[in-house]
């Protein structure tokens, strides 16, 4: 068959033009933005500041809970306080009402005292390594030994009494 007698080819169907991507205002190599927080926004801004104090243990626990919910520390505390004030949170009492709170405070105070002893031991060790032996080094080491022994006794008492608190 001659080439000029071939059947005419149908035209391809008309296609809608693809949407054009709008250029970003950010540079392509700019660092990624942090993920948005999950808190629902209100018409009011959180622009009021209040100073509150926490124990180191409370900060650690609150910070872990905030991270699990993908919130900042301040956002978590603000949401929790508002929920309690609005009666939406099931809060029976203050953490200070916890019956084991005196024990926790005693352990925290004991830990601070042990940390101070550790600092003193480091100072004595540094002095000995520099060639001088402090005058009261022996007395301090005797007190450290007594403190360590008492620590073990206290921990044994706490562990022994711990079974009665858990039931």
Protein backbone atom coordinates (compact mmCIF):
# COMPACT_ATOMS: atom_id res chain seq x y z
CA UNK A 1 0.00 0.00 0.00
CA UNK A 2 1.20 3.41 -0.85
CA UNK A 3 2.06 5.67 2.09
CA UNK A 4 -0.32 8.42 1.01
CA UNK A 5 -3.39 6.16 1.19
CA UNK A 6 -2.99 5.28 4.89
CA UNK A 7 -5.93 6.00 7.17
CA UNK A 8 -5.71 9.33 8.93
CA UNK A 9 -4.45 9.04 12.53
CA UNK A 10 -6.87 10.28 15.21
CA UNK A 11 -5.66 13.27 17.23
CA UNK A 12 -4.75 12.56 20.87
CA UNK A 13 -7.46 13.53 23.36
CA UNK A 14 -7.13 17.02 24.77
CA UNK A 15 -5.50 16.91 28.23
CA UNK A 16 -6.07 19.42 30.98
CA UNK A 17 -2.86 21.23 31.81
CA UNK A 18 -1.11 20.03 34.97
CA UNK A 19 -1.22 22.47 37.88
CA UNK A 20 1.93 24.52 38.21
CA UNK A 21 3.62 24.16 41.58
CA UNK A 22 3.96 27.48 43.34
CA UNK A 23 7.51 28.27 44.36
CA UNK A 24 8.26 28.14 48.07
CA UNK A 25 9.33 31.27 49.87
CA UNK A 26 11.94 29.20 51.67
CA UNK A 27 15.26 28.33 50.13
CA UNK A 28 15.53 24.69 48.98
CA UNK A 29 18.47 24.03 51.31
CA UNK A 30 16.85 25.72 54.36
CA UNK A 31 16.58 23.52 57.47
CA UNK A 32 13.26 21.78 58.00
CA UNK A 33 10.74 23.48 60.22
CA UNK A 34 9.81 21.85 63.54
CA UNK A 35 6.62 19.83 63.60
CA UNK A 36 3.54 21.72 64.68
CA UNK A 37 2.31 21.15 68.19
CA UNK A 38 -0.97 19.32 68.66
CA UNK A 39 -2.65 21.85 70.95
CA UNK A 40 -5.88 23.30 69.61
CA UNK A 41 -5.56 27.02 69.16
CA UNK A 42 -7.99 29.44 70.74
CA UNK A 43 -8.85 32.98 69.84
CA UNK A 44 -6.84 34.13 72.86
CA UNK A 45 -3.05 34.18 72.84
CA UNK A 46 -1.12 32.78 75.75
CA UNK A 47 0.67 36.00 76.51
CA UNK A 48 0.36 36.03 80.32
CA UNK A 49 3.41 34.82 82.22
CA UNK A 50 3.50 33.42 85.75
CA UNK A 51 6.56 32.22 87.60
CA UNK A 52 6.15 28.78 89.19
CA UNK A 53 8.68 26.52 90.86
CA UNK A 54 9.11 22.77 90.54
CA UNK A 55 11.24 20.15 92.21
CA UNK A 56 13.81 18.47 89.96
CA UNK A 57 11.77 15.26 90.11
CA UNK A 58 8.58 17.07 89.07
CA UNK A 59 10.38 18.73 86.15
CA UNK A 60 11.67 15.37 84.93
CA UNK A 61 8.26 13.67 85.16
CA UNK A 62 6.35 16.59 83.59
CA UNK A 63 8.91 16.98 80.81
CA UNK A 64 8.67 13.27 79.93
CA UNK A 65 4.86 13.45 79.85
CA UNK A 66 4.96 16.58 77.68
CA UNK A 67 7.33 14.94 75.19
CA UNK A 68 5.09 11.85 74.96
CA UNK A 69 2.24 14.18 73.94
CA UNK A 70 4.46 16.24 71.62
CA UNK A 71 4.00 19.37 73.74
CA UNK A 72 6.39 21.87 75.23
CA UNK A 73 6.86 21.85 78.99
CA UNK A 74 5.02 25.17 79.37
CA UNK A 75 2.20 24.12 77.04
CA UNK A 76 1.69 20.88 78.94
CA UNK A 77 1.62 22.65 82.32
CA UNK A 78 -0.74 25.32 81.00
CA UNK A 79 -3.13 22.76 79.51
CA UNK A 80 -3.07 20.63 82.67
CA UNK A 81 -3.67 23.59 84.99
CA UNK A 82 -6.55 24.85 82.87
CA UNK A 83 -8.11 21.37 82.72
CA UNK A 84 -7.99 21.09 86.53
CA UNK A 85 -9.41 24.60 86.96
CA UNK A 86 -12.28 23.80 84.58
CA UNK A 87 -12.99 20.50 86.37
CA UNK A 88 -12.06 18.45 83.30
CA UNK A 89 -9.23 16.57 85.01
CA UNK A 90 -9.71 13.94 87.67
CA UNK A 91 -7.45 15.34 90.38
CA UNK A 92 -8.16 14.09 93.88
CA UNK A 93 -5.53 16.08 95.76
CA UNK A 94 -2.21 17.77 95.58
CA UNK A 95 1.00 15.77 95.17
CA UNK A 96 1.93 17.10 98.61
CA UNK A 97 -0.92 14.98 100.02
CA UNK A 98 0.77 11.77 98.86
CA UNK A 99 1.54 9.60 101.91
CA UNK A 100 5.01 8.70 100.65
CA UNK A 101 5.98 12.34 100.02
CA UNK A 102 8.00 12.62 103.28
CA UNK A 103 9.97 9.57 102.19
CA UNK A 104 10.64 11.09 98.75
CA UNK A 105 11.77 14.35 100.33
CA UNK A 106 14.04 12.47 102.74
CA UNK A 107 15.62 10.53 99.86
CA UNK A 108 16.14 13.77 97.89
CA UNK A 109 17.79 15.43 100.92
CA UNK A 110 19.94 12.35 101.46
CA UNK A 111 21.00 12.39 97.81
CA UNK A 112 22.02 16.05 98.12
CA UNK A 113 24.10 15.25 101.20
CA UNK A 114 25.81 12.38 99.40
CA UNK A 115 26.57 14.65 96.45
CA UNK A 116 28.24 17.14 98.81
CA UNK A 117 30.31 14.32 100.28
CA UNK A 118 31.35 13.33 96.76
CA UNK A 119 32.46 16.91 96.08
CA UNK A 120 34.55 16.90 99.26
CA UNK A 121 36.13 13.58 98.28
CA UNK A 122 37.05 15.01 94.89
CA UNK A 123 38.69 18.00 96.58
CA UNK A 124 40.68 15.74 98.93
CA UNK A 125 41.75 13.53 96.01
CA UNK A 126 42.88 16.58 94.01
CA UNK A 127 44.91 17.82 96.99
CA UNK A 128 46.54 14.42 97.51
CA UNK A 129 47.43 14.18 93.81
CA UNK A 130 49.06 17.60 94.00
CA UNK A 131 51.34 16.36 96.79
CA UNK A 132 49.62 17.81 99.86
CA UNK A 133 47.55 15.88 102.33
CA UNK A 134 44.86 18.00 104.02
CA UNK A 135 45.09 18.14 107.82
CA UNK A 136 41.67 16.63 108.42
CA UNK A 137 41.67 14.09 105.58
CA UNK A 138 41.54 11.08 107.92
CA UNK A 139 38.64 12.54 109.94
CA UNK A 140 36.72 13.38 106.77
CA UNK A 141 37.24 9.88 105.38
CA UNK A 142 35.99 8.38 108.67
CA UNK A 143 32.84 10.54 108.44
CA UNK A 144 32.36 9.49 104.81
CA UNK A 145 32.60 5.83 105.81
CA UNK A 146 30.00 6.38 108.56
CA UNK A 147 27.69 8.19 106.12
CA UNK A 148 27.96 5.38 103.59
CA UNK A 149 27.20 2.75 106.23
CA UNK A 150 24.19 4.75 107.45
CA UNK A 151 22.99 5.11 103.84
CA UNK A 152 22.98 1.35 103.43
CA UNK A 153 21.08 0.95 106.72
CA UNK A 154 18.46 3.51 105.66
CA UNK A 155 18.03 1.89 102.23
CA UNK A 156 17.60 -1.53 103.88
CA UNK A 157 14.90 -0.06 106.18
CA UNK A 158 13.10 1.56 103.24
CA UNK A 159 13.15 -1.66 101.24
CA UNK A 160 11.90 -3.64 104.24
CA UNK A 161 9.02 -1.19 104.82
CA UNK A 162 8.31 -0.82 101.09
CA UNK A 163 6.30 -4.05 101.00
CA UNK A 164 3.75 -2.63 103.43
CA UNK A 165 3.23 0.54 101.30
CA UNK A 166 2.50 -1.41 98.12
CA UNK A 167 -0.46 -3.41 99.49
